């Protein structure tokens, strides 16, 4: 289609991340944001997530809280796309 821009995987990740954090909201730590980005990268590109922080630390807790939000962001994105008819089903690898 003329004039249609296809997003790369990295563009999609950045778009979803920016939509969450480039608006007024409560501040989040870099570890939290890293967890969000890790989930979005996993969901979009299939890259495995690995927490870089020692279990039981505040940094690991923040990272996993970000992971939780990242899953929420992805599910909301998929639901919005499904409601526009972009996906036939929410089942499968990215649901």
PDB file of N, CA and C in Angstrom:
ATOM      1  N   UNK A   1       0.837  -1.182   0.000  1.00  0.00           N
ATOM      2  CA  UNK A   1       0.000   0.000   0.000  1.00  0.00           C
ATOM      3  C   UNK A   1       0.878   1.241   0.000  1.00  0.00           C
ATOM      4  N   UNK A   2       0.524   2.187  -0.813  1.00  0.00           N
ATOM      5  CA  UNK A   2       1.270   3.429  -0.868  1.00  0.00           C
ATOM      6  C   UNK A   2       1.039   4.229   0.405  1.00  0.00           C
ATOM      7  N   UNK A   3       2.124   4.781   0.939  1.00  0.00           N
ATOM      8  CA  UNK A   3       2.018   5.622   2.123  1.00  0.00           C
ATOM      9  C   UNK A   3       1.941   4.867   3.438  1.00  0.00           C
ATOM     10  N   UNK A   4       1.969   3.533   3.394  1.00  0.00           N
ATOM     11  CA  UNK A   4       1.909   2.743   4.615  1.00  0.00           C
ATOM     12  C   UNK A   4       3.324   2.540   5.130  1.00  0.00           C
ATOM     13  N   UNK A   5       3.532   2.865   6.401  1.00  0.00           N
ATOM     14  CA  UNK A   5       4.840   2.678   7.020  1.00  0.00           C
ATOM     15  C   UNK A   5       4.809   1.405   7.850  1.00  0.00           C
ATOM     16  N   UNK A   6       5.703   0.489   7.538  1.00  0.00           N
ATOM     17  CA  UNK A   6       5.813  -0.749   8.289  1.00  0.00           C
ATOM     18  C   UNK A   6       6.843  -0.534   9.393  1.00  0.00           C
ATOM     19  N   UNK A   7       6.427  -0.777  10.631  1.00  0.00           N
ATOM     20  CA  UNK A   7       7.338  -0.624  11.756  1.00  0.00           C
ATOM     21  C   UNK A   7       8.249  -1.830  11.879  1.00  0.00           C
ATOM     22  N   UNK A   8       9.513  -1.586  12.165  1.00  0.00           N
ATOM     23  CA  UNK A   8      10.417  -2.678  12.482  1.00  0.00           C
ATOM     24  C   UNK A   8      10.104  -3.146  13.902  1.00  0.00           C
ATOM     25  N   UNK A   9      10.657  -4.270  14.282  1.00  0.00           N
ATOM     26  CA  UNK A   9      10.458  -4.773  15.641  1.00  0.00           C
ATOM     27  C   UNK A   9      10.959  -3.757  16.662  1.00  0.00           C
ATOM     28  N   UNK A  10      12.127  -3.188  16.413  1.00  0.00           N
ATOM     29  CA  UNK A  10      12.663  -2.193  17.344  1.00  0.00           C
ATOM     30  C   UNK A  10      11.801  -0.944  17.402  1.00  0.00           C
ATOM     31  N   UNK A  11      11.241  -0.538  16.248  1.00  0.00           N
ATOM     32  CA  UNK A  11      10.322   0.610  16.232  1.00  0.00           C
ATOM     33  C   UNK A  11       9.082   0.327  17.079  1.00  0.00           C
ATOM     34  N   UNK A  12       8.534  -0.882  16.957  1.00  0.00           N
ATOM     35  CA  UNK A  12       7.337  -1.265  17.716  1.00  0.00           C
ATOM     36  C   UNK A  12       7.630  -1.234  19.216  1.00  0.00           C
ATOM     37  N   UNK A  13       8.772  -1.789  19.613  1.00  0.00           N
ATOM     38  CA  UNK A  13       9.157  -1.786  21.025  1.00  0.00           C
ATOM     39  C   UNK A  13       9.250  -0.354  21.537  1.00  0.00           C
ATOM     40  N   UNK A  14       9.929   0.496  20.777  1.00  0.00           N
ATOM     41  CA  UNK A  14      10.085   1.892  21.204  1.00  0.00           C
ATOM     42  C   UNK A  14       8.752   2.609  21.238  1.00  0.00           C
ATOM     43  N   UNK A  15       7.872   2.338  20.288  1.00  0.00           N
ATOM     44  CA  UNK A  15       6.560   2.967  20.260  1.00  0.00           C
ATOM     45  C   UNK A  15       5.754   2.612  21.512  1.00  0.00           C
ATOM     46  N   UNK A  16       5.734   1.343  21.864  1.00  0.00           N
ATOM     47  CA  UNK A  16       4.991   0.906  23.052  1.00  0.00           C
ATOM     48  C   UNK A  16       5.619   1.458  24.325  1.00  0.00           C
ATOM     49  N   UNK A  17       6.940   1.438  24.402  1.00  0.00           N
ATOM     50  CA  UNK A  17       7.648   1.954  25.567  1.00  0.00           C
ATOM     51  C   UNK A  17       7.401   3.452  25.730  1.00  0.00           C
ATOM     52  N   UNK A  18       7.511   4.188  24.644  1.00  0.00           N
ATOM     53  CA  UNK A  18       7.308   5.637  24.685  1.00  0.00           C
ATOM     54  C   UNK A  18       5.878   5.994  25.072  1.00  0.00           C
ATOM     55  N   UNK A  19       4.927   5.238  24.576  1.00  0.00           N
ATOM     56  CA  UNK A  19       3.523   5.504  24.929  1.00  0.00           C
ATOM     57  C   UNK A  19       3.313   5.370  26.434  1.00  0.00           C
ATOM     58  N   UNK A  20       4.068   4.493  27.069  1.00  0.00           N
ATOM     59  CA  UNK A  20       3.927   4.281  28.513  1.00  0.00           C
ATOM     60  C   UNK A  20       4.681   5.326  29.333  1.00  0.00           C
ATOM     61  N   UNK A  21       5.831   5.775  28.842  1.00  0.00           N
ATOM     62  CA  UNK A  21       6.696   6.596  29.686  1.00  0.00           C
ATOM     63  C   UNK A  21       6.893   8.030  29.218  1.00  0.00           C
ATOM     64  N   UNK A  22       6.455   8.366  28.030  1.00  0.00           N
ATOM     65  CA  UNK A  22       6.618   9.740  27.550  1.00  0.00           C
ATOM     66  C   UNK A  22       5.390  10.587  27.822  1.00  0.00           C
ATOM     67  N   UNK A  23       4.630  10.210  28.816  1.00  0.00           N
ATOM     68  CA  UNK A  23       3.454  10.962  29.251  1.00  0.00           C
ATOM     69  C   UNK A  23       3.585  11.199  30.752  1.00  0.00           C
ATOM     70  N   UNK A  24       2.885  12.191  31.272  1.00  0.00           N
ATOM     71  CA  UNK A  24       2.963  12.419  32.725  1.00  0.00           C
ATOM     72  C   UNK A  24       2.493  11.190  33.498  1.00  0.00           C
ATOM     73  N   UNK A  25       3.302  10.766  34.451  1.00  0.00           N
ATOM     74  CA  UNK A  25       2.987   9.628  35.307  1.00  0.00           C
ATOM     75  C   UNK A  25       3.967   9.641  36.469  1.00  0.00           C
ATOM     76  N   UNK A  26       3.734   8.767  37.432  1.00  0.00           N
ATOM     77  CA  UNK A  26       4.672   8.644  38.544  1.00  0.00           C
ATOM     78  C   UNK A  26       6.029   8.207  38.008  1.00  0.00           C
ATOM     79  N   UNK A  27       7.072   8.740  38.606  1.00  0.00           N
ATOM     80  CA  UNK A  27       8.433   8.397  38.187  1.00  0.00           C
ATOM     81  C   UNK A  27       8.700   6.909  38.438  1.00  0.00           C
ATOM     82  N   UNK A  28       9.508   6.306  37.582  1.00  0.00           N
ATOM     83  CA  UNK A  28       9.906   4.911  37.719  1.00  0.00           C
ATOM     84  C   UNK A  28      11.420   4.827  37.586  1.00  0.00           C
ATOM     85  N   UNK A  29      11.995   3.870  38.267  1.00  0.00           N
ATOM     86  CA  UNK A  29      13.443   3.696  38.242  1.00  0.00           C
ATOM     87  C   UNK A  29      13.904   3.127  36.901  1.00  0.00           C
ATOM     88  N   UNK A  30      15.208   3.238  36.677  1.00  0.00           N
ATOM     89  CA  UNK A  30      15.766   2.663  35.444  1.00  0.00           C
ATOM     90  C   UNK A  30      15.604   1.148  35.436  1.00  0.00           C
ATOM     91  N   UNK A  31      15.666   0.511  36.611  1.00  0.00           N
ATOM     92  CA  UNK A  31      15.487  -0.939  36.689  1.00  0.00           C
ATOM     93  C   UNK A  31      14.058  -1.336  36.304  1.00  0.00           C
ATOM     94  N   UNK A  32      13.099  -0.556  36.760  1.00  0.00           N
ATOM     95  CA  UNK A  32      11.692  -0.790  36.422  1.00  0.00           C
ATOM     96  C   UNK A  32      11.512  -0.699  34.902  1.00  0.00           C
ATOM     97  N   UNK A  33      12.031   0.384  34.324  1.00  0.00           N
ATOM     98  CA  UNK A  33      11.901   0.588  32.880  1.00  0.00           C
ATOM     99  C   UNK A  33      12.620  -0.516  32.101  1.00  0.00           C
ATOM    100  N   UNK A  34      13.740  -0.982  32.641  1.00  0.00           N
ATOM    101  CA  UNK A  34      14.462  -2.073  32.004  1.00  0.00           C
ATOM    102  C   UNK A  34      13.608  -3.342  31.953  1.00  0.00           C
ATOM    103  N   UNK A  35      12.843  -3.601  33.019  1.00  0.00           N
ATOM    104  CA  UNK A  35      11.938  -4.746  33.036  1.00  0.00           C
ATOM    105  C   UNK A  35      10.830  -4.618  32.004  1.00  0.00           C
ATOM    106  N   UNK A  36      10.279  -3.408  31.880  1.00  0.00           N
ATOM    107  CA  UNK A  36       9.249  -3.167  30.860  1.00  0.00           C
ATOM    108  C   UNK A  36       9.816  -3.436  29.474  1.00  0.00           C
ATOM    109  N   UNK A  37      10.969  -2.857  29.205  1.00  0.00           N
ATOM    110  CA  UNK A  37      11.580  -3.027  27.876  1.00  0.00           C
ATOM    111  C   UNK A  37      11.934  -4.494  27.608  1.00  0.00           C
ATOM    112  N   UNK A  38      12.373  -5.215  28.622  1.00  0.00           N
ATOM    113  CA  UNK A  38      12.714  -6.635  28.452  1.00  0.00           C
ATOM    114  C   UNK A  38      11.491  -7.435  28.006  1.00  0.00           C
ATOM    115  N   UNK A  39      10.341  -7.175  28.620  1.00  0.00           N
ATOM    116  CA  UNK A  39       9.116  -7.891  28.231  1.00  0.00           C
ATOM    117  C   UNK A  39       8.705  -7.520  26.817  1.00  0.00           C
ATOM    118  N   UNK A  40       8.741  -6.244  26.499  1.00  0.00           N
ATOM    119  CA  UNK A  40       8.341  -5.831  25.152  1.00  0.00           C
ATOM    120  C   UNK A  40       9.269  -6.445  24.106  1.00  0.00           C
ATOM    121  N   UNK A  41      10.544  -6.512  24.413  1.00  0.00           N
ATOM    122  CA  UNK A  41      11.496  -7.144  23.495  1.00  0.00           C
ATOM    123  C   UNK A  41      11.198  -8.630  23.357  1.00  0.00           C
ATOM    124  N   UNK A  42      10.877  -9.272  24.456  1.00  0.00           N
ATOM    125  CA  UNK A  42      10.499 -10.683  24.412  1.00  0.00           C
ATOM    126  C   UNK A  42       9.248 -10.887  23.560  1.00  0.00           C
ATOM    127  N   UNK A  43       8.240 -10.066  23.807  1.00  0.00           N
ATOM    128  CA  UNK A  43       6.970 -10.235  23.100  1.00  0.00           C
ATOM    129  C   UNK A  43       7.104  -9.940  21.609  1.00  0.00           C
ATOM    130  N   UNK A  44       7.882  -8.936  21.254  1.00  0.00           N
ATOM    131  CA  UNK A  44       7.992  -8.537  19.849  1.00  0.00           C
ATOM    132  C   UNK A  44       9.027  -9.371  19.093  1.00  0.00           C
ATOM    133  N   UNK A  45      10.174  -9.618  19.722  1.00  0.00           N
ATOM    134  CA  UNK A  45      11.281 -10.274  19.027  1.00  0.00           C
ATOM    135  C   UNK A  45      11.559 -11.693  19.496  1.00  0.00           C
ATOM    136  N   UNK A  46      10.944 -12.096  20.601  1.00  0.00           N
ATOM    137  CA  UNK A  46      11.162 -13.431  21.112  1.00  0.00           C
ATOM    138  C   UNK A  46      12.475 -13.605  21.863  1.00  0.00           C
ATOM    139  N   UNK A  47      13.151 -12.497  22.190  1.00  0.00           N
ATOM    140  CA  UNK A  47      14.418 -12.578  22.910  1.00  0.00           C
ATOM    141  C   UNK A  47      14.162 -12.891  24.379  1.00  0.00           C
ATOM    142  N   UNK A  48      14.878 -13.860  24.881  1.00  0.00           N
ATOM    143  CA  UNK A  48      14.709 -14.306  26.262  1.00  0.00           C
ATOM    144  C   UNK A  48      15.044 -13.194  27.256  1.00  0.00           C
ATOM    145  N   UNK A  49      14.266 -13.133  28.332  1.00  0.00           N
ATOM    146  CA  UNK A  49      14.498 -12.154  29.391  1.00  0.00           C
ATOM    147  C   UNK A  49      15.379 -12.766  30.464  1.00  0.00           C
ATOM    148  N   UNK A  50      16.297 -11.977  30.972  1.00  0.00           N
ATOM    149  CA  UNK A  50      17.136 -12.392  32.093  1.00  0.00           C
ATOM    150  C   UNK A  50      17.312 -11.202  33.017  1.00  0.00           C
ATOM    151  N   UNK A  51      16.901 -11.382  34.242  1.00  0.00           N
ATOM    152  CA  UNK A  51      17.047 -10.317  35.221  1.00  0.00           C
ATOM    153  C   UNK A  51      18.536 -10.164  35.559  1.00  0.00           C
ATOM    154  N   UNK A  52      19.077  -8.964  35.374  1.00  0.00           N
ATOM    155  CA  UNK A  52      20.504  -8.769  35.641  1.00  0.00           C
ATOM    156  C   UNK A  52      20.821  -8.470  37.110  1.00  0.00           C
ATOM    157  N   UNK A  53      19.816  -8.536  37.965  1.00  0.00           N
ATOM    158  CA  UNK A  53      20.000  -8.143  39.365  1.00  0.00           C
ATOM    159  C   UNK A  53      19.929  -9.342  40.298  1.00  0.00           C
ATOM    160  N   UNK A  54      20.613  -9.229  41.404  1.00  0.00           N
ATOM    161  CA  UNK A  54      20.635 -10.267  42.430  1.00  0.00           C
ATOM    162  C   UNK A  54      19.232 -10.437  43.013  1.00  0.00           C
ATOM    163  N   UNK A  55      18.707 -11.674  43.074  1.00  0.00           N
ATOM    164  CA  UNK A  55      17.388 -11.895  43.677  1.00  0.00           C
ATOM    165  C   UNK A  55      17.337 -11.342  45.099  1.00  0.00           C
ATOM    166  N   UNK A  56      16.196 -10.773  45.444  1.00  0.00           N
ATOM    167  CA  UNK A  56      15.994 -10.245  46.783  1.00  0.00           C
ATOM    168  C   UNK A  56      16.433  -8.801  46.973  1.00  0.00           C
ATOM    169  N   UNK A  57      16.977  -8.192  45.931  1.00  0.00           N
ATOM    170  CA  UNK A  57      17.395  -6.795  46.033  1.00  0.00           C
ATOM    171  C   UNK A  57      16.275  -5.873  45.567  1.00  0.00           C
ATOM    172  N   UNK A  58      16.372  -4.628  45.959  1.00  0.00           N
ATOM    173  CA  UNK A  58      15.392  -3.639  45.512  1.00  0.00           C
ATOM    174  C   UNK A  58      15.424  -3.509  43.988  1.00  0.00           C
ATOM    175  N   UNK A  59      16.601  -3.637  43.406  1.00  0.00           N
ATOM    176  CA  UNK A  59      16.717  -3.529  41.946  1.00  0.00           C
ATOM    177  C   UNK A  59      15.974  -4.671  41.255  1.00  0.00           C
ATOM    178  N   UNK A  60      16.109  -5.880  41.778  1.00  0.00           N
ATOM    179  CA  UNK A  60      15.393  -7.025  41.192  1.00  0.00           C
ATOM    180  C   UNK A  60      13.891  -6.847  41.362  1.00  0.00           C
ATOM    181  N   UNK A  61      13.462  -6.366  42.523  1.00  0.00           N
ATOM    182  CA  UNK A  61      12.034  -6.128  42.746  1.00  0.00           C
ATOM    183  C   UNK A  61      11.495  -5.103  41.749  1.00  0.00           C
ATOM    184  N   UNK A  62      12.254  -4.029  41.524  1.00  0.00           N
ATOM    185  CA  UNK A  62      11.828  -3.006  40.572  1.00  0.00           C
ATOM    186  C   UNK A  62      11.775  -3.577  39.156  1.00  0.00           C
ATOM    187  N   UNK A  63      12.772  -4.359  38.797  1.00  0.00           N
ATOM    188  CA  UNK A  63      12.813  -4.976  37.475  1.00  0.00           C
ATOM    189  C   UNK A  63      11.569  -5.840  37.257  1.00  0.00           C
ATOM    190  N   UNK A  64      11.240  -6.692  38.234  1.00  0.00           N
ATOM    191  CA  UNK A  64      10.089  -7.575  38.077  1.00  0.00           C
ATOM    192  C   UNK A  64       8.760  -6.818  38.120  1.00  0.00           C
ATOM    193  N   UNK A  65       8.709  -5.713  38.833  1.00  0.00           N
ATOM    194  CA  UNK A  65       7.503  -4.867  38.771  1.00  0.00           C
ATOM    195  C   UNK A  65       7.354  -4.298  37.365  1.00  0.00           C
ATOM    196  N   UNK A  66       8.462  -3.912  36.754  1.00  0.00           N
ATOM    197  CA  UNK A  66       8.435  -3.444  35.368  1.00  0.00           C
ATOM    198  C   UNK A  66       8.031  -4.545  34.403  1.00  0.00           C
ATOM    199  N   UNK A  67       8.496  -5.760  34.655  1.00  0.00           N
ATOM    200  CA  UNK A  67       8.097  -6.911  33.836  1.00  0.00           C
ATOM    201  C   UNK A  67       6.578  -7.056  33.869  1.00  0.00           C
ATOM    202  N   UNK A  68       6.006  -6.924  35.058  1.00  0.00           N
ATOM    203  CA  UNK A  68       4.554  -7.025  35.201  1.00  0.00           C
ATOM    204  C   UNK A  68       3.849  -5.963  34.355  1.00  0.00           C
ATOM    205  N   UNK A  69       4.320  -4.714  34.428  1.00  0.00           N
ATOM    206  CA  UNK A  69       3.699  -3.671  33.612  1.00  0.00           C
ATOM    207  C   UNK A  69       3.921  -3.932  32.130  1.00  0.00           C
ATOM    208  N   UNK A  70       5.087  -4.427  31.772  1.00  0.00           N
ATOM    209  CA  UNK A  70       5.361  -4.729  30.362  1.00  0.00           C
ATOM    210  C   UNK A  70       4.365  -5.726  29.790  1.00  0.00           C
ATOM    211  N   UNK A  71       4.039  -6.758  30.565  1.00  0.00           N
ATOM    212  CA  UNK A  71       3.021  -7.719  30.112  1.00  0.00           C
ATOM    213  C   UNK A  71       1.668  -7.037  29.951  1.00  0.00           C
ATOM    214  N   UNK A  72       1.336  -6.155  30.875  1.00  0.00           N
ATOM    215  CA  UNK A  72       0.065  -5.422  30.782  1.00  0.00           C
ATOM    216  C   UNK A  72       0.040  -4.549  29.522  1.00  0.00           C
ATOM    217  N   UNK A  73       1.127  -3.849  29.255  1.00  0.00           N
ATOM    218  CA  UNK A  73       1.218  -3.003  28.055  1.00  0.00           C
ATOM    219  C   UNK A  73       1.024  -3.852  26.806  1.00  0.00           C
ATOM    220  N   UNK A  74       1.690  -5.006  26.751  1.00  0.00           N
ATOM    221  CA  UNK A  74       1.577  -5.875  25.577  1.00  0.00           C
ATOM    222  C   UNK A  74       0.153  -6.382  25.387  1.00  0.00           C
ATOM    223  N   UNK A  75      -0.472  -6.841  26.458  1.00  0.00           N
ATOM    224  CA  UNK A  75      -1.847  -7.351  26.340  1.00  0.00           C
ATOM    225  C   UNK A  75      -2.807  -6.255  25.889  1.00  0.00           C
ATOM    226  N   UNK A  76      -2.647  -5.062  26.422  1.00  0.00           N
ATOM    227  CA  UNK A  76      -3.503  -3.948  26.010  1.00  0.00           C
ATOM    228  C   UNK A  76      -3.283  -3.623  24.536  1.00  0.00           C
ATOM    229  N   UNK A  77      -2.044  -3.679  24.102  1.00  0.00           N
ATOM    230  CA  UNK A  77      -1.725  -3.442  22.687  1.00  0.00           C
ATOM    231  C   UNK A  77      -2.389  -4.485  21.799  1.00  0.00           C
ATOM    232  N   UNK A  78      -2.273  -5.760  22.179  1.00  0.00           N
ATOM    233  CA  UNK A  78      -2.885  -6.829  21.387  1.00  0.00           C
ATOM    234  C   UNK A  78      -4.407  -6.710  21.352  1.00  0.00           C
ATOM    235  N   UNK A  79      -5.003  -6.368  22.476  1.00  0.00           N
ATOM    236  CA  UNK A  79      -6.459  -6.192  22.513  1.00  0.00           C
ATOM    237  C   UNK A  79      -6.891  -5.034  21.620  1.00  0.00           C
ATOM    238  N   UNK A  80      -6.137  -3.940  21.639  1.00  0.00           N
ATOM    239  CA  UNK A  80      -6.465  -2.794  20.778  1.00  0.00           C
ATOM    240  C   UNK A  80      -6.332  -3.167  19.305  1.00  0.00           C
ATOM    241  N   UNK A  81      -5.284  -3.896  18.967  1.00  0.00           N
ATOM    242  CA  UNK A  81      -5.103  -4.328  17.584  1.00  0.00           C
ATOM    243  C   UNK A  81      -6.213  -5.291  17.168  1.00  0.00           C
ATOM    244  N   UNK A  82      -6.593  -6.192  18.058  1.00  0.00           N
ATOM    245  CA  UNK A  82      -7.667  -7.144  17.747  1.00  0.00           C
ATOM    246  C   UNK A  82      -8.986  -6.425  17.525  1.00  0.00           C
ATOM    247  N   UNK A  83      -9.246  -5.406  18.321  1.00  0.00           N
ATOM    248  CA  UNK A  83     -10.510  -4.680  18.170  1.00  0.00           C
ATOM    249  C   UNK A  83     -10.562  -3.918  16.846  1.00  0.00           C
ATOM    250  N   UNK A  84      -9.394  -3.628  16.282  1.00  0.00           N
ATOM    251  CA  UNK A  84      -9.343  -2.974  14.964  1.00  0.00           C
ATOM    252  C   UNK A  84      -9.278  -3.994  13.840  1.00  0.00           C
ATOM    253  N   UNK A  85      -9.356  -5.287  14.199  1.00  0.00           N
ATOM    254  CA  UNK A  85      -9.360  -6.333  13.190  1.00  0.00           C
ATOM    255  C   UNK A  85      -7.993  -6.693  12.652  1.00  0.00           C
ATOM    256  N   UNK A  86      -6.930  -6.251  13.304  1.00  0.00           N
ATOM    257  CA  UNK A  86      -5.595  -6.539  12.812  1.00  0.00           C
ATOM    258  C   UNK A  86      -5.181  -7.981  13.065  1.00  0.00           C
ATOM    259  N   UNK A  87      -5.652  -8.556  14.181  1.00  0.00           N
ATOM    260  CA  UNK A  87      -5.321  -9.940  14.511  1.00  0.00           C
ATOM    261  C   UNK A  87      -6.592 -10.768  14.477  1.00  0.00           C
ATOM    262  N   UNK A  88      -6.483 -11.982  14.002  1.00  0.00           N
ATOM    263  CA  UNK A  88      -7.632 -12.875  13.972  1.00  0.00           C
ATOM    264  C   UNK A  88      -7.866 -13.491  15.341  1.00  0.00           C
ATOM    265  N   UNK A  89      -6.807 -13.652  16.111  1.00  0.00           N
ATOM    266  CA  UNK A  89      -6.936 -14.317  17.398  1.00  0.00           C
ATOM    267  C   UNK A  89      -5.884 -13.775  18.348  1.00  0.00           C
ATOM    268  N   UNK A  90      -6.186 -13.783  19.631  1.00  0.00           N
ATOM    269  CA  UNK A  90      -5.202 -13.405  20.626  1.00  0.00           C
ATOM    270  C   UNK A  90      -4.423 -14.617  21.120  1.00  0.00           C
ATOM    271  N   UNK A  91      -4.723 -15.808  20.572  1.00  0.00           N
ATOM    272  CA  UNK A  91      -4.015 -17.006  20.969  1.00  0.00           C
ATOM    273  C   UNK A  91      -2.693 -17.084  20.235  1.00  0.00           C
ATOM    274  N   UNK A  92      -1.780 -17.824  20.805  1.00  0.00           N
ATOM    275  CA  UNK A  92      -0.500 -18.013  20.157  1.00  0.00           C
ATOM    276  C   UNK A  92       0.625 -17.403  20.944  1.00  0.00           C
ATOM    277  N   UNK A  93       1.763 -17.271  20.304  1.00  0.00           N
ATOM    278  CA  UNK A  93       2.992 -16.868  20.965  1.00  0.00           C
ATOM    279  C   UNK A  93       2.905 -15.519  21.635  1.00  0.00           C
ATOM    280  N   UNK A  94       2.249 -14.543  21.030  1.00  0.00           N
ATOM    281  CA  UNK A  94       2.256 -13.194  21.579  1.00  0.00           C
ATOM    282  C   UNK A  94       1.068 -12.821  22.418  1.00  0.00           C
ATOM    283  N   UNK A  95       0.159 -13.752  22.697  1.00  0.00           N
ATOM    284  CA  UNK A  95      -1.034 -13.393  23.473  1.00  0.00           C
ATOM    285  C   UNK A  95      -0.723 -13.265  24.934  1.00  0.00           C
TER     286      UNK A  95
END
